[in-house]
């Protein structure tokens, strides 16, 4: 569930990162990722479907971070200093 949601939402965040504010999209994704990760630790075993759903939402948040964060870091450094 995690990987499928990550793979499906990564192109969406790539599009949003190119067309809109990267910091806003990254912030929303990180809040979604951390909030869902924290709240999923309180799900009781009888609601396993909710746990699987929360893993999918964590995958969406992770896709925002893994897609947009490298571009933000790349913007902070000039080309010659990126590999240091």
Protein backbone atom coordinates (compact mmCIF):
# COMPACT_ATOMS: atom_id res chain seq x y z
CA UNK A 1 0.00 0.00 0.00
CA UNK A 2 2.83 2.37 0.94
CA UNK A 3 4.80 1.82 -2.26
CA UNK A 4 1.76 1.97 -4.54
CA UNK A 5 0.61 5.28 -3.07
CA UNK A 6 4.15 6.65 -3.22
CA UNK A 7 4.53 5.68 -6.89
CA UNK A 8 1.16 7.13 -7.86
CA UNK A 9 1.56 10.42 -6.01
CA UNK A 10 5.23 11.21 -6.81
CA UNK A 11 4.45 12.58 -10.31
CA UNK A 12 1.69 14.73 -8.83
CA UNK A 13 4.09 16.30 -6.37
CA UNK A 14 6.66 16.74 -9.12
CA UNK A 15 4.09 18.70 -11.10
CA UNK A 16 3.11 20.75 -8.06
CA UNK A 17 6.76 21.45 -7.25
CA UNK A 18 7.36 22.78 -10.76
CA UNK A 19 4.23 24.90 -11.04
CA UNK A 20 3.61 26.13 -7.48
CA UNK A 21 5.50 26.92 -4.30
CA UNK A 22 7.89 24.10 -3.45
CA UNK A 23 8.04 25.08 0.20
CA UNK A 24 4.26 24.97 0.55
CA UNK A 25 3.94 21.58 -1.16
CA UNK A 26 6.84 20.20 0.88
CA UNK A 27 5.37 21.56 4.12
CA UNK A 28 1.96 20.06 3.43
CA UNK A 29 3.53 16.72 2.56
CA UNK A 30 5.71 16.62 5.66
CA UNK A 31 2.77 17.55 7.91
CA UNK A 32 0.68 14.84 6.25
CA UNK A 33 3.51 12.32 6.59
CA UNK A 34 4.33 13.00 10.22
CA UNK A 35 0.74 13.51 11.36
CA UNK A 36 -0.44 10.27 9.82
CA UNK A 37 2.60 8.39 11.08
CA UNK A 38 1.96 9.57 14.60
CA UNK A 39 -1.77 8.94 14.54
CA UNK A 40 -1.36 5.48 13.01
CA UNK A 41 0.54 4.35 16.08
CA UNK A 42 -2.68 4.64 18.08
CA UNK A 43 -4.83 2.45 15.82
CA UNK A 44 -6.10 -0.66 17.56
CA UNK A 45 -5.63 -4.08 15.92
CA UNK A 46 -9.33 -4.46 15.21
CA UNK A 47 -9.12 -1.60 12.69
CA UNK A 48 -6.46 -3.09 10.45
CA UNK A 49 -8.06 -1.56 7.34
CA UNK A 50 -7.50 1.89 8.85
CA UNK A 51 -3.85 1.03 9.45
CA UNK A 52 -3.42 0.05 5.79
CA UNK A 53 -5.14 3.27 4.74
CA UNK A 54 -2.82 5.29 6.96
CA UNK A 55 0.22 3.57 5.42
CA UNK A 56 -1.01 4.77 2.05
CA UNK A 57 -1.28 8.34 3.31
CA UNK A 58 2.24 8.07 4.75
CA UNK A 59 3.36 7.00 1.27
CA UNK A 60 1.78 10.12 -0.21
CA UNK A 61 3.58 12.32 2.31
CA UNK A 62 6.84 10.52 1.68
CA UNK A 63 6.43 11.08 -2.04
CA UNK A 64 6.23 14.81 -1.48
CA UNK A 65 9.45 14.80 0.49
CA UNK A 66 11.41 12.50 -1.81
CA UNK A 67 10.30 14.40 -4.92
CA UNK A 68 10.61 18.03 -3.83
CA UNK A 69 13.41 18.04 -1.22
CA UNK A 70 16.28 17.31 -3.67
CA UNK A 71 15.21 20.23 -5.85
CA UNK A 72 15.06 22.57 -2.85
CA UNK A 73 18.57 21.50 -1.83
CA UNK A 74 19.75 21.89 -5.42
CA UNK A 75 18.44 25.45 -5.48
CA UNK A 76 20.42 26.35 -2.36
CA UNK A 77 23.85 25.57 -3.82
CA UNK A 78 25.56 26.45 -7.06
CA UNK A 79 26.42 23.61 -9.39
CA UNK A 80 30.11 23.36 -8.38
CA UNK A 81 29.31 23.10 -4.66
CA UNK A 82 26.49 20.55 -4.79
CA UNK A 83 28.72 17.50 -4.49
CA UNK A 84 30.72 18.71 -1.48
